[in-house]
Structures are given as structure tokens and as C-alpha cells.
């Protein structure tokens, strides 16, 4: 398949840049699960040595996004129905907790509203990459406002794993994101945490159901 990984130019922090670039590449909807990722291929495409690529791949493996096979390379990780259910149960628990624990400030509400507008704009422009990034950003804004660094780290990893699962079902739920995010934002702005938590739970439950139904149908 044709590779469209952007070649890296800045020599500083190459491992982080390689990680970000490879992660964005594997989260694309047209990335085939059978595609083999080798250090040689990736270092050539990125224009860097194998060392930062190897470190980036190891990080992605540790985070559960790829699997590395000795002397064969790396492949996109596949998830079982049980694994997806487990991830969504954990995500729902963490995100509902975050809504209940976040510090509601005028700045947070404004950032959330701006995110909702960008999500809607990306959706109308059919910009899938930007929409996914903004969707993640909205949820992380709430998580970060709790001040709980470990919560943010775990939640971000769960979201990345679930986006791998949702690459083929993006169109089933993407249109629901702006309204769902706005509902959560409005509830927080009104100081109605319980309502915001309910909206968050409903939002995640809908996406989970669509993904699991798709997986069960295509097993």
C-alpha cells in the first residue's frame, strides 16, 4: 500500500516525533491490519535512523496498539469482543468519574464550547483526521481538569486502543459527537454534574453499542 507518513525534519526528540507519526499512520481507516511495519521501512519513510523508530514501536507495543513479532516486524493489534467490552467498561467508569471530579471554570467551559464548534466544523468538512483528534481533545479537556495525571495517562491510552477498533465504524457514530459533547458542556456550565455524568454515560454507551454490534455481525 502507498505510505503517506510525513518525513521528519527536526533532529530533536526524534523518538517522540516518530511515535506521533507512526501512531497517526496506524489509526487511519485505510491502514490494513495485515500490513507489516518494519524498522527499515519506517526509518526510510521518516528519514531517520532505526533507533528512534525501534523505541517508538516498543512504546506502541507497550501501550497495546501494535504487536511485535520477532524477526518479522510489527502489526496492528486486533481486539476480541471481550477486550473491547472491557475497555469500554473502564472508559465509561473513568470518564463519568472525570465529569464528577473536574474543576468547572469559565475557561474550561469556553474550551469545551470551542471544541464542540470545531468538531461540528470538521464533521461538515468530512475531515476525519481532524474530527478524531478533536473528539479525543474534548474528552481529555475534562480529564485534565481533574488534575489527575494518572487518570489522563490511562484514559488517553484507552482512547487510542478503541480508535483502532473504531476505524471501520467511524461513520456510524461520528455525526452524534457534536450534540453529545454540547449536551455534556451545557450541563457542566449549569453546574449539573449528575446530568453531565448521565450524558457522558449515554454518549459512550451509544458508541460502544454500535461498535460491538458491528463486530458481532462481522465475526
N, C-alpha and C. Protein backbone atom coordinates (compact mmCIF):
# COMPACT_ATOMS: atom_id res chain seq x y z
N UNK A 1 0.85 -1.19 0.00
CA UNK A 1 0.00 0.00 0.00
C UNK A 1 0.88 1.25 0.00
N UNK A 2 0.37 2.37 -0.46
CA UNK A 2 1.13 3.61 -0.52
C UNK A 2 1.25 4.21 0.86
N UNK A 3 2.46 4.61 1.24
CA UNK A 3 2.68 5.19 2.56
C UNK A 3 2.63 6.71 2.47
N UNK A 4 2.01 7.34 3.45
CA UNK A 4 1.94 8.80 3.45
C UNK A 4 2.42 9.37 4.77
N UNK A 5 3.40 8.67 5.38
CA UNK A 5 3.97 9.19 6.61
C UNK A 5 4.83 10.40 6.27
N UNK A 6 4.63 11.47 6.99
CA UNK A 6 5.38 12.70 6.72
C UNK A 6 6.81 12.56 7.20
N UNK A 7 7.77 12.87 6.33
CA UNK A 7 9.17 12.78 6.68
C UNK A 7 9.51 13.80 7.76
N UNK A 8 10.30 13.38 8.74
CA UNK A 8 10.65 14.26 9.85
C UNK A 8 11.87 15.10 9.49
N UNK A 9 11.83 16.35 9.92
CA UNK A 9 12.91 17.27 9.59
C UNK A 9 13.69 17.74 10.82
N UNK A 10 13.00 17.89 11.96
CA UNK A 10 13.66 18.40 13.15
C UNK A 10 14.41 17.28 13.85
N UNK A 11 15.70 17.46 14.12
CA UNK A 11 16.50 16.40 14.72
C UNK A 11 16.23 16.18 16.21
N UNK A 12 15.56 17.10 16.88
CA UNK A 12 15.33 17.00 18.32
C UNK A 12 14.16 16.07 18.63
N UNK A 13 14.35 15.28 19.69
CA UNK A 13 13.28 14.42 20.19
C UNK A 13 12.68 13.54 19.09
N UNK A 14 13.53 12.87 18.37
CA UNK A 14 13.07 12.07 17.24
C UNK A 14 12.17 10.90 17.64
N UNK A 15 12.42 10.33 18.81
CA UNK A 15 11.60 9.21 19.25
C UNK A 15 10.15 9.64 19.41
N UNK A 16 9.93 10.79 20.03
CA UNK A 16 8.58 11.31 20.23
C UNK A 16 7.93 11.62 18.90
N UNK A 17 8.68 12.22 17.99
CA UNK A 17 8.14 12.54 16.68
C UNK A 17 7.80 11.27 15.90
N UNK A 18 8.69 10.28 15.98
CA UNK A 18 8.45 9.02 15.29
C UNK A 18 7.20 8.35 15.87
N UNK A 19 7.09 8.37 17.18
CA UNK A 19 5.92 7.79 17.85
C UNK A 19 4.63 8.45 17.35
N UNK A 20 4.60 9.78 17.35
CA UNK A 20 3.40 10.51 16.92
C UNK A 20 3.05 10.21 15.47
N UNK A 21 4.08 10.18 14.62
CA UNK A 21 3.84 9.96 13.19
C UNK A 21 3.35 8.54 12.91
N UNK A 22 3.98 7.55 13.53
CA UNK A 22 3.58 6.16 13.32
C UNK A 22 2.19 5.91 13.90
N UNK A 23 1.92 6.49 15.05
CA UNK A 23 0.60 6.32 15.68
C UNK A 23 -0.50 6.89 14.78
N UNK A 24 -0.28 8.07 14.24
CA UNK A 24 -1.27 8.68 13.35
C UNK A 24 -1.47 7.81 12.11
N UNK A 25 -0.38 7.22 11.63
CA UNK A 25 -0.43 6.36 10.44
C UNK A 25 -1.29 5.12 10.68
N UNK A 26 -1.10 4.45 11.81
CA UNK A 26 -1.83 3.21 12.06
C UNK A 26 -3.29 3.44 12.45
N UNK A 27 -3.62 4.65 12.87
CA UNK A 27 -5.01 4.94 13.24
C UNK A 27 -5.87 5.31 12.03
N UNK A 28 -5.26 5.43 10.86
CA UNK A 28 -6.02 5.75 9.65
C UNK A 28 -6.95 4.61 9.30
N UNK A 29 -8.11 4.95 8.73
CA UNK A 29 -9.09 3.92 8.40
C UNK A 29 -8.66 3.03 7.25
N UNK A 30 -7.71 3.49 6.42
CA UNK A 30 -7.28 2.68 5.29
C UNK A 30 -6.01 1.88 5.58
N UNK A 31 -5.58 1.90 6.84
CA UNK A 31 -4.41 1.11 7.21
C UNK A 31 -4.84 -0.33 7.42
N UNK A 32 -4.26 -1.25 6.66
CA UNK A 32 -4.68 -2.64 6.70
C UNK A 32 -4.00 -3.38 7.87
N UNK A 33 -4.79 -4.19 8.56
CA UNK A 33 -4.28 -4.91 9.72
C UNK A 33 -3.13 -5.85 9.36
N UNK A 34 -3.12 -6.31 8.13
CA UNK A 34 -2.08 -7.26 7.71
C UNK A 34 -0.77 -6.58 7.31
N UNK A 35 -0.77 -5.24 7.27
CA UNK A 35 0.43 -4.51 6.87
C UNK A 35 1.56 -4.71 7.88
N UNK A 36 2.72 -5.07 7.38
CA UNK A 36 3.87 -5.30 8.25
C UNK A 36 4.67 -4.01 8.39
N UNK A 37 4.97 -3.64 9.62
CA UNK A 37 5.74 -2.44 9.90
C UNK A 37 7.14 -2.85 10.33
N UNK A 38 8.12 -2.59 9.49
CA UNK A 38 9.50 -2.92 9.83
C UNK A 38 10.28 -1.65 10.15
N UNK A 39 11.33 -1.81 10.92
CA UNK A 39 12.17 -0.66 11.26
C UNK A 39 12.78 -0.07 9.99
N UNK A 40 13.15 -0.92 9.06
CA UNK A 40 13.76 -0.45 7.82
C UNK A 40 12.79 0.42 7.03
N UNK A 41 11.56 -0.07 6.88
CA UNK A 41 10.55 0.66 6.13
C UNK A 41 10.24 2.01 6.77
N UNK A 42 10.00 2.00 8.08
CA UNK A 42 9.61 3.22 8.78
C UNK A 42 10.75 4.23 8.84
N UNK A 43 11.95 3.77 9.09
CA UNK A 43 13.08 4.70 9.16
C UNK A 43 13.33 5.34 7.79
N UNK A 44 13.11 4.57 6.73
CA UNK A 44 13.27 5.11 5.37
C UNK A 44 12.21 6.15 5.08
N UNK A 45 10.97 5.86 5.43
CA UNK A 45 9.87 6.78 5.17
C UNK A 45 9.99 8.06 6.00
N UNK A 46 10.46 7.93 7.24
CA UNK A 46 10.55 9.08 8.13
C UNK A 46 11.86 9.86 7.93
N UNK A 47 12.83 9.23 7.30
CA UNK A 47 14.10 9.90 7.06
C UNK A 47 14.98 9.98 8.29
N UNK A 48 14.87 8.96 9.17
CA UNK A 48 15.67 8.95 10.39
C UNK A 48 16.29 7.55 10.57
N UNK A 49 17.12 7.41 11.59
CA UNK A 49 17.75 6.12 11.84
C UNK A 49 16.76 5.14 12.48
N UNK A 50 17.17 3.90 12.60
CA UNK A 50 16.29 2.87 13.14
C UNK A 50 16.08 2.99 14.65
N UNK A 51 17.04 3.55 15.34
CA UNK A 51 16.97 3.59 16.81
C UNK A 51 15.72 4.27 17.35
N UNK A 52 15.41 5.52 16.93
CA UNK A 52 14.17 6.15 17.44
C UNK A 52 12.91 5.43 16.98
N UNK A 53 12.97 4.82 15.78
CA UNK A 53 11.83 4.06 15.28
C UNK A 53 11.60 2.84 16.17
N UNK A 54 12.69 2.16 16.53
CA UNK A 54 12.58 0.99 17.40
C UNK A 54 11.97 1.37 18.75
N UNK A 55 12.42 2.47 19.31
CA UNK A 55 11.90 2.93 20.59
C UNK A 55 10.42 3.29 20.48
N UNK A 56 10.05 3.93 19.37
CA UNK A 56 8.65 4.31 19.16
C UNK A 56 7.78 3.07 19.05
N UNK A 57 8.24 2.07 18.31
CA UNK A 57 7.49 0.83 18.16
C UNK A 57 7.34 0.11 19.49
N UNK A 58 8.38 0.11 20.29
CA UNK A 58 8.31 -0.52 21.61
C UNK A 58 7.27 0.17 22.49
N UNK A 59 7.20 1.49 22.39
CA UNK A 59 6.21 2.24 23.18
C UNK A 59 4.79 1.90 22.72
N UNK A 60 4.59 1.82 21.42
CA UNK A 60 3.28 1.49 20.87
C UNK A 60 2.88 0.06 21.25
N UNK A 61 3.87 -0.82 21.32
CA UNK A 61 3.62 -2.19 21.74
C UNK A 61 3.22 -2.23 23.21
N UNK A 62 3.95 -1.51 24.04
CA UNK A 62 3.66 -1.46 25.48
C UNK A 62 2.25 -0.92 25.73
N UNK A 63 1.82 0.03 24.91
CA UNK A 63 0.51 0.64 25.06
C UNK A 63 -0.61 -0.21 24.46
N UNK A 64 -0.26 -1.32 23.87
CA UNK A 64 -1.27 -2.22 23.34
C UNK A 64 -1.84 -1.84 21.99
N UNK A 65 -1.11 -1.02 21.24
CA UNK A 65 -1.61 -0.58 19.93
C UNK A 65 -1.10 -1.45 18.79
N UNK A 66 0.07 -2.06 18.97
CA UNK A 66 0.62 -2.95 17.96
C UNK A 66 1.16 -4.21 18.65
N UNK A 67 1.42 -5.23 17.85
CA UNK A 67 2.09 -6.42 18.36
C UNK A 67 3.39 -6.58 17.58
N UNK A 68 4.45 -6.92 18.26
CA UNK A 68 5.76 -7.08 17.63
C UNK A 68 6.11 -8.56 17.59
N UNK A 69 6.42 -9.06 16.41
CA UNK A 69 6.81 -10.45 16.24
C UNK A 69 8.30 -10.51 15.92
N UNK A 70 9.01 -11.32 16.64
CA UNK A 70 10.46 -11.42 16.47
C UNK A 70 10.83 -11.75 15.03
N UNK A 71 11.75 -10.95 14.49
CA UNK A 71 12.30 -11.12 13.14
C UNK A 71 11.27 -10.96 12.03
N UNK A 72 10.07 -10.51 12.38
CA UNK A 72 9.04 -10.31 11.36
C UNK A 72 8.58 -8.87 11.27
N UNK A 73 8.64 -8.15 12.36
CA UNK A 73 8.19 -6.77 12.35
C UNK A 73 6.98 -6.57 13.26
N UNK A 74 6.30 -5.46 13.06
CA UNK A 74 5.15 -5.11 13.90
C UNK A 74 3.87 -5.10 13.08
N UNK A 75 2.78 -5.41 13.73
CA UNK A 75 1.47 -5.42 13.09
C UNK A 75 0.46 -4.71 13.99
N UNK A 76 -0.58 -4.20 13.39
CA UNK A 76 -1.65 -3.58 14.16
C UNK A 76 -2.28 -4.63 15.05
N UNK A 77 -2.54 -4.26 16.28
CA UNK A 77 -3.15 -5.21 17.20
C UNK A 77 -4.63 -5.41 16.87
N UNK A 78 -5.10 -6.63 17.01
CA UNK A 78 -6.53 -6.92 16.83
C UNK A 78 -7.15 -7.15 18.21
N UNK A 79 -8.41 -6.79 18.36
CA UNK A 79 -9.08 -6.88 19.66
C UNK A 79 -10.26 -7.84 19.58
N UNK A 80 -10.41 -8.63 20.63
CA UNK A 80 -11.55 -9.54 20.71
C UNK A 80 -12.77 -8.76 21.22
N UNK A 81 -13.93 -9.36 21.08
CA UNK A 81 -15.16 -8.75 21.57
C UNK A 81 -15.05 -8.50 23.08
N UNK A 82 -14.51 -9.46 23.80
CA UNK A 82 -14.35 -9.34 25.26
C UNK A 82 -13.42 -8.19 25.60
N UNK A 83 -12.33 -8.04 24.86
CA UNK A 83 -11.38 -6.96 25.14
C UNK A 83 -12.02 -5.59 24.92
N UNK A 84 -12.83 -5.47 23.86
CA UNK A 84 -13.50 -4.21 23.58
C UNK A 84 -14.51 -3.88 24.69
N UNK A 85 -15.26 -4.87 25.11
CA UNK A 85 -16.21 -4.66 26.21
C UNK A 85 -15.50 -4.20 27.46
N UNK A 86 -14.37 -4.84 27.77
CA UNK A 86 -13.61 -4.47 28.96
C UNK A 86 -13.09 -3.04 28.88
N UNK A 87 -12.58 -2.67 27.70
CA UNK A 87 -12.04 -1.32 27.52
C UNK A 87 -13.14 -0.27 27.68
N UNK A 88 -14.31 -0.56 27.13
CA UNK A 88 -15.41 0.41 27.24
C UNK A 88 -15.95 0.51 28.65
N UNK A 89 -15.97 -0.58 29.38
CA UNK A 89 -16.39 -0.52 30.78
C UNK A 89 -15.46 0.38 31.57
N UNK A 90 -14.16 0.22 31.32
CA UNK A 90 -13.17 1.03 32.02
C UNK A 90 -13.25 2.48 31.59
N UNK A 91 -13.41 2.70 30.29
CA UNK A 91 -13.50 4.08 29.79
C UNK A 91 -14.72 4.79 30.39
N UNK A 92 -15.85 4.12 30.41
CA UNK A 92 -17.06 4.74 30.96
C UNK A 92 -16.86 5.11 32.43
N UNK A 93 -16.27 4.20 33.20
CA UNK A 93 -16.04 4.47 34.62
C UNK A 93 -15.13 5.68 34.81
N UNK A 94 -14.06 5.74 34.02
CA UNK A 94 -13.10 6.84 34.16
C UNK A 94 -13.69 8.17 33.71
N UNK A 95 -14.43 8.17 32.60
CA UNK A 95 -14.96 9.43 32.07
C UNK A 95 -16.10 9.96 32.93
N UNK A 96 -16.94 9.08 33.45
CA UNK A 96 -18.01 9.53 34.34
C UNK A 96 -17.40 10.09 35.63
N UNK A 97 -16.35 9.43 36.10
CA UNK A 97 -15.64 9.95 37.27
C UNK A 97 -15.05 11.33 36.99
N UNK A 98 -14.44 11.48 35.81
CA UNK A 98 -13.81 12.75 35.44
C UNK A 98 -14.83 13.89 35.43
N UNK A 99 -16.01 13.63 34.90
CA UNK A 99 -17.06 14.65 34.88
C UNK A 99 -17.43 15.05 36.30
N UNK A 100 -17.45 14.09 37.20
CA UNK A 100 -17.79 14.39 38.58
C UNK A 100 -16.69 15.06 39.36
N UNK A 101 -15.45 14.88 38.92
CA UNK A 101 -14.31 15.42 39.68
C UNK A 101 -13.66 16.65 39.06
N UNK A 102 -14.03 17.01 37.84
CA UNK A 102 -13.36 18.11 37.15
C UNK A 102 -13.64 19.46 37.83
N UNK A 103 -12.71 20.36 37.67
CA UNK A 103 -12.87 21.73 38.17
C UNK A 103 -13.60 22.55 37.12
N UNK A 104 -14.83 22.91 37.40
CA UNK A 104 -15.63 23.65 36.42
C UNK A 104 -15.27 25.13 36.51
N UNK A 105 -14.62 25.63 35.47
CA UNK A 105 -14.21 27.03 35.42
C UNK A 105 -14.71 27.65 34.12
N UNK A 106 -14.82 28.98 34.08
CA UNK A 106 -15.22 29.63 32.83
C UNK A 106 -14.30 29.25 31.67
N UNK A 107 -13.01 29.11 31.97
CA UNK A 107 -12.05 28.76 30.93
C UNK A 107 -12.32 27.36 30.38
N UNK A 108 -12.62 26.39 31.26
CA UNK A 108 -12.91 25.04 30.81
C UNK A 108 -14.16 25.03 29.93
N UNK A 109 -15.21 25.72 30.37
CA UNK A 109 -16.46 25.74 29.60
C UNK A 109 -16.23 26.35 28.23
N UNK A 110 -15.44 27.42 28.16
CA UNK A 110 -15.17 28.06 26.88
C UNK A 110 -14.36 27.13 25.97
N UNK A 111 -13.38 26.43 26.54
CA UNK A 111 -12.59 25.49 25.74
C UNK A 111 -13.46 24.35 25.22
N UNK A 112 -14.38 23.88 26.06
CA UNK A 112 -15.28 22.81 25.63
C UNK A 112 -16.20 23.29 24.51
N UNK A 113 -16.70 24.50 24.63
CA UNK A 113 -17.58 25.04 23.59
C UNK A 113 -16.81 25.22 22.28
N UNK A 114 -15.59 25.68 22.35
CA UNK A 114 -14.77 25.83 21.15
C UNK A 114 -14.53 24.46 20.51
N UNK A 115 -14.31 23.45 21.34
CA UNK A 115 -14.08 22.10 20.84
C UNK A 115 -15.33 21.58 20.13
N UNK A 116 -16.50 21.85 20.70
CA UNK A 116 -17.76 21.42 20.07
C UNK A 116 -17.91 22.05 18.69
N UNK A 117 -17.56 23.34 18.60
CA UNK A 117 -17.66 24.03 17.30
C UNK A 117 -16.70 23.44 16.28
N UNK A 118 -15.49 23.13 16.73
CA UNK A 118 -14.51 22.55 15.82
C UNK A 118 -14.93 21.15 15.39
N UNK A 119 -15.49 20.38 16.32
CA UNK A 119 -15.96 19.04 15.99
C UNK A 119 -17.04 19.09 14.92
N UNK A 120 -17.96 20.02 15.08
CA UNK A 120 -19.03 20.18 14.10
C UNK A 120 -18.47 20.61 12.75
N UNK A 121 -17.52 21.53 12.77
CA UNK A 121 -16.90 22.02 11.54
C UNK A 121 -16.15 20.90 10.83
N UNK A 122 -15.39 20.11 11.58
CA UNK A 122 -14.63 19.00 10.99
C UNK A 122 -15.56 17.96 10.40
N UNK A 123 -16.68 17.73 11.06
CA UNK A 123 -17.65 16.77 10.58
C UNK A 123 -18.24 17.21 9.24
N UNK A 124 -18.63 18.49 9.17
CA UNK A 124 -19.21 19.02 7.94
C UNK A 124 -18.20 19.07 6.80
N UNK A 125 -16.93 19.23 7.16
CA UNK A 125 -15.88 19.28 6.14
C UNK A 125 -15.39 17.89 5.77
N UNK A 126 -15.96 16.87 6.42
CA UNK A 126 -15.56 15.47 6.18
C UNK A 126 -14.07 15.27 6.44
N UNK A 127 -13.55 16.00 7.43
CA UNK A 127 -12.14 15.88 7.80
C UNK A 127 -12.03 14.87 8.94
N UNK A 128 -11.89 13.61 8.57
CA UNK A 128 -11.91 12.53 9.55
C UNK A 128 -10.77 12.64 10.56
N UNK A 129 -9.56 12.93 10.07
CA UNK A 129 -8.40 13.02 10.95
C UNK A 129 -8.58 14.11 12.01
N UNK A 130 -9.02 15.28 11.55
CA UNK A 130 -9.23 16.39 12.48
C UNK A 130 -10.36 16.09 13.46
N UNK A 131 -11.40 15.43 12.95
CA UNK A 131 -12.55 15.10 13.81
C UNK A 131 -12.13 14.15 14.93
N UNK A 132 -11.35 13.13 14.62
CA UNK A 132 -10.88 12.18 15.62
C UNK A 132 -10.02 12.88 16.67
N UNK A 133 -9.11 13.74 16.19
CA UNK A 133 -8.24 14.48 17.11
C UNK A 133 -9.05 15.38 18.03
N UNK A 134 -10.06 16.04 17.48
CA UNK A 134 -10.87 16.95 18.29
C UNK A 134 -11.77 16.19 19.26
N UNK A 135 -12.27 15.05 18.82
CA UNK A 135 -13.08 14.21 19.71
C UNK A 135 -12.27 13.82 20.94
N UNK A 136 -11.05 13.35 20.70
CA UNK A 136 -10.17 12.98 21.81
C UNK A 136 -9.85 14.18 22.68
N UNK A 137 -9.61 15.34 22.04
CA UNK A 137 -9.28 16.56 22.77
C UNK A 137 -10.39 16.96 23.73
N UNK A 138 -11.64 16.85 23.30
CA UNK A 138 -12.78 17.21 24.14
C UNK A 138 -12.78 16.39 25.43
N UNK A 139 -12.64 15.10 25.28
CA UNK A 139 -12.67 14.22 26.45
C UNK A 139 -11.46 14.44 27.36
N UNK A 140 -10.32 14.74 26.75
CA UNK A 140 -9.12 14.96 27.56
C UNK A 140 -9.16 16.30 28.28
N UNK A 141 -9.89 17.29 27.73
CA UNK A 141 -10.05 18.57 28.43
C UNK A 141 -10.70 18.34 29.79
N UNK A 142 -11.72 17.51 29.80
CA UNK A 142 -12.42 17.22 31.05
C UNK A 142 -11.52 16.42 31.99
N UNK A 143 -10.83 15.43 31.44
CA UNK A 143 -9.95 14.61 32.27
C UNK A 143 -8.83 15.44 32.89
N UNK A 144 -8.21 16.30 32.09
CA UNK A 144 -7.11 17.11 32.61
C UNK A 144 -7.56 18.10 33.68
N UNK A 145 -8.81 18.52 33.58
CA UNK A 145 -9.30 19.49 34.55
C UNK A 145 -9.52 18.88 35.94
N UNK A 146 -9.37 17.55 36.04
CA UNK A 146 -9.44 16.90 37.35
C UNK A 146 -8.11 17.05 38.09
N UNK A 147 -7.05 17.33 37.33
CA UNK A 147 -5.73 17.43 37.94
C UNK A 147 -5.09 16.09 38.22
N UNK A 148 -5.73 15.01 37.75
CA UNK A 148 -5.25 13.65 38.00
C UNK A 148 -4.44 13.17 36.79
N UNK A 149 -3.13 13.24 36.92
CA UNK A 149 -2.23 12.89 35.82
C UNK A 149 -2.36 11.43 35.41
N UNK A 150 -2.49 10.53 36.38
CA UNK A 150 -2.58 9.11 36.08
C UNK A 150 -3.88 8.78 35.35
N UNK A 151 -4.95 9.44 35.74
CA UNK A 151 -6.23 9.27 35.05
C UNK A 151 -6.08 9.64 33.58
N UNK A 152 -5.43 10.76 33.32
CA UNK A 152 -5.25 11.24 31.95
C UNK A 152 -4.41 10.25 31.14
N UNK A 153 -3.36 9.74 31.74
CA UNK A 153 -2.48 8.80 31.03
C UNK A 153 -3.24 7.54 30.64
N UNK A 154 -3.97 6.98 31.57
CA UNK A 154 -4.70 5.74 31.31
C UNK A 154 -5.82 5.97 30.29
N UNK A 155 -6.56 7.06 30.46
CA UNK A 155 -7.68 7.33 29.57
C UNK A 155 -7.21 7.58 28.14
N UNK A 156 -6.11 8.29 27.99
CA UNK A 156 -5.59 8.57 26.65
C UNK A 156 -5.21 7.27 25.95
N UNK A 157 -4.60 6.34 26.70
CA UNK A 157 -4.22 5.06 26.11
C UNK A 157 -5.45 4.24 25.73
N UNK A 158 -6.47 4.24 26.58
CA UNK A 158 -7.71 3.51 26.27
C UNK A 158 -8.35 4.07 25.01
N UNK A 159 -8.38 5.39 24.90
CA UNK A 159 -8.97 6.01 23.71
C UNK A 159 -8.23 5.59 22.44
N UNK A 160 -6.91 5.55 22.52
CA UNK A 160 -6.11 5.15 21.35
C UNK A 160 -6.42 3.71 20.95
N UNK A 161 -6.50 2.82 21.94
CA UNK A 161 -6.82 1.43 21.63
C UNK A 161 -8.20 1.31 21.00
N UNK A 162 -9.15 2.06 21.52
CA UNK A 162 -10.51 1.98 20.99
C UNK A 162 -10.63 2.60 19.60
N UNK A 163 -9.80 3.60 19.31
CA UNK A 163 -9.84 4.18 17.97
C UNK A 163 -9.37 3.17 16.93
N UNK A 164 -8.46 2.28 17.33
CA UNK A 164 -8.04 1.22 16.41
C UNK A 164 -9.25 0.35 16.07
N UNK A 165 -10.05 0.06 17.09
CA UNK A 165 -11.24 -0.77 16.88
C UNK A 165 -12.30 -0.03 16.06
N UNK A 166 -12.37 1.30 16.22
CA UNK A 166 -13.43 2.08 15.59
C UNK A 166 -13.09 2.60 14.20
N UNK A 167 -11.92 2.26 13.68
CA UNK A 167 -11.52 2.81 12.38
C UNK A 167 -12.54 2.50 11.30
N UNK A 168 -13.15 1.31 11.37
CA UNK A 168 -14.10 0.91 10.33
C UNK A 168 -15.53 1.30 10.67
N UNK A 169 -15.77 1.80 11.88
CA UNK A 169 -17.15 2.15 12.28
C UNK A 169 -17.28 3.64 12.56
N UNK A 170 -16.28 4.41 12.18
CA UNK A 170 -16.28 5.85 12.43
C UNK A 170 -17.56 6.51 11.94
N UNK A 171 -18.00 6.16 10.74
CA UNK A 171 -19.16 6.81 10.13
C UNK A 171 -20.47 6.50 10.85
N UNK A 172 -20.48 5.45 11.67
CA UNK A 172 -21.70 5.06 12.36
C UNK A 172 -22.06 5.99 13.51
N UNK A 173 -21.06 6.62 14.10
CA UNK A 173 -21.32 7.43 15.30
C UNK A 173 -20.73 8.85 15.25
N UNK A 174 -19.92 9.15 14.24
CA UNK A 174 -19.25 10.45 14.22
C UNK A 174 -20.24 11.62 14.23
N UNK A 175 -21.39 11.45 13.58
CA UNK A 175 -22.35 12.54 13.49
C UNK A 175 -23.02 12.86 14.82
N UNK A 176 -22.92 11.94 15.78
CA UNK A 176 -23.57 12.16 17.07
C UNK A 176 -22.69 12.93 18.06
N UNK A 177 -21.41 13.04 17.75
CA UNK A 177 -20.46 13.65 18.68
C UNK A 177 -20.76 15.11 19.03
N UNK A 178 -21.01 16.00 18.05
CA UNK A 178 -21.24 17.41 18.41
C UNK A 178 -22.39 17.61 19.38
N UNK A 179 -23.52 16.96 19.14
CA UNK A 179 -24.67 17.12 20.03
C UNK A 179 -24.40 16.53 21.41
N UNK A 180 -23.75 15.38 21.43
CA UNK A 180 -23.44 14.74 22.71
C UNK A 180 -22.48 15.60 23.52
N UNK A 181 -21.46 16.13 22.85
CA UNK A 181 -20.48 16.97 23.55
C UNK A 181 -21.12 18.27 24.03
N UNK A 182 -22.02 18.82 23.23
CA UNK A 182 -22.69 20.06 23.63
C UNK A 182 -23.58 19.81 24.85
N UNK A 183 -24.24 18.68 24.87
CA UNK A 183 -25.11 18.34 26.00
C UNK A 183 -24.29 18.24 27.29
N UNK A 184 -23.15 17.61 27.21
CA UNK A 184 -22.26 17.48 28.37
C UNK A 184 -21.77 18.86 28.81
N UNK A 185 -21.37 19.67 27.84
CA UNK A 185 -20.87 21.02 28.13
C UNK A 185 -21.93 21.89 28.80
N UNK A 186 -23.12 21.87 28.26
CA UNK A 186 -24.20 22.69 28.81
C UNK A 186 -24.54 22.28 30.24
N UNK A 187 -24.53 20.99 30.51
CA UNK A 187 -24.82 20.50 31.86
C UNK A 187 -23.73 20.96 32.83
N UNK A 188 -22.48 20.88 32.40
CA UNK A 188 -21.38 21.34 33.26
C UNK A 188 -21.47 22.84 33.49
N UNK A 189 -21.79 23.58 32.44
CA UNK A 189 -21.90 25.05 32.55
C UNK A 189 -22.99 25.44 33.54
N UNK A 190 -24.03 24.61 33.62
CA UNK A 190 -25.14 24.90 34.54
C UNK A 190 -24.88 24.32 35.93
N UNK A 191 -23.72 23.70 36.11
CA UNK A 191 -23.39 23.12 37.40
C UNK A 191 -24.14 21.84 37.71
N UNK A 192 -24.70 21.21 36.69
CA UNK A 192 -25.48 19.98 36.87
C UNK A 192 -24.59 18.77 36.58
N UNK A 193 -23.78 18.42 37.56
CA UNK A 193 -22.82 17.33 37.36
C UNK A 193 -23.51 16.00 37.08
N UNK A 194 -24.57 15.70 37.82
CA UNK A 194 -25.26 14.42 37.64
C UNK A 194 -25.80 14.30 36.21
N UNK A 195 -26.33 15.41 35.69
CA UNK A 195 -26.84 15.40 34.31
C UNK A 195 -25.69 15.23 33.32
N UNK A 196 -24.57 15.90 33.60
CA UNK A 196 -23.40 15.78 32.73
C UNK A 196 -22.86 14.36 32.75
N UNK A 197 -22.86 13.72 33.91
CA UNK A 197 -22.39 12.34 34.01
C UNK A 197 -23.32 11.40 33.25
N UNK A 198 -24.61 11.65 33.35
CA UNK A 198 -25.58 10.82 32.62
C UNK A 198 -25.39 10.98 31.10
N UNK A 199 -25.16 12.21 30.66
CA UNK A 199 -24.94 12.46 29.24
C UNK A 199 -23.67 11.79 28.76
N UNK A 200 -22.63 11.84 29.59
CA UNK A 200 -21.36 11.18 29.22
C UNK A 200 -21.57 9.68 29.12
N UNK A 201 -22.27 9.11 30.07
CA UNK A 201 -22.52 7.67 30.07
C UNK A 201 -23.32 7.26 28.82
N UNK A 202 -24.34 8.04 28.49
CA UNK A 202 -25.16 7.74 27.30
C UNK A 202 -24.33 7.85 26.03
N UNK A 203 -23.47 8.86 25.97
CA UNK A 203 -22.61 9.10 24.81
C UNK A 203 -21.69 7.90 24.56
N UNK A 204 -21.03 7.45 25.61
CA UNK A 204 -20.10 6.33 25.49
C UNK A 204 -20.85 5.03 25.20
N UNK A 205 -22.01 4.86 25.82
CA UNK A 205 -22.80 3.64 25.63
C UNK A 205 -23.26 3.49 24.18
N UNK A 206 -23.63 4.60 23.56
CA UNK A 206 -24.07 4.56 22.16
C UNK A 206 -22.95 4.11 21.24
N UNK A 207 -21.78 4.70 21.42
CA UNK A 207 -20.63 4.35 20.58
C UNK A 207 -20.25 2.89 20.81
N UNK A 208 -20.26 2.48 22.06
CA UNK A 208 -19.93 1.09 22.40
C UNK A 208 -20.90 0.12 21.71
N UNK A 209 -22.17 0.40 21.78
CA UNK A 209 -23.18 -0.49 21.19
C UNK A 209 -22.98 -0.62 19.68
N UNK A 210 -22.74 0.50 19.02
CA UNK A 210 -22.54 0.47 17.57
C UNK A 210 -21.32 -0.36 17.19
N UNK A 211 -20.24 -0.20 17.95
CA UNK A 211 -19.02 -0.94 17.65
C UNK A 211 -19.21 -2.42 17.92
N UNK A 212 -19.79 -2.77 19.05
CA UNK A 212 -19.98 -4.18 19.39
C UNK A 212 -20.95 -4.87 18.43
N UNK A 213 -22.00 -4.15 18.03
CA UNK A 213 -22.95 -4.72 17.06
C UNK A 213 -22.24 -5.01 15.74
N UNK A 214 -21.38 -4.07 15.33
CA UNK A 214 -20.62 -4.23 14.08
C UNK A 214 -19.69 -5.44 14.18
N UNK A 215 -19.00 -5.56 15.31
CA UNK A 215 -18.06 -6.67 15.50
C UNK A 215 -18.78 -8.01 15.52
N UNK A 216 -19.91 -8.06 16.19
CA UNK A 216 -20.66 -9.31 16.29
C UNK A 216 -21.20 -9.72 14.91
N UNK A 217 -21.62 -8.72 14.13
CA UNK A 217 -22.16 -9.02 12.80
C UNK A 217 -21.07 -9.50 11.85
N UNK A 218 -19.85 -9.01 12.04
CA UNK A 218 -18.76 -9.34 11.11
C UNK A 218 -17.80 -10.40 11.65
N UNK A 219 -18.19 -11.08 12.69
CA UNK A 219 -17.34 -12.15 13.23
C UNK A 219 -17.29 -13.34 12.26
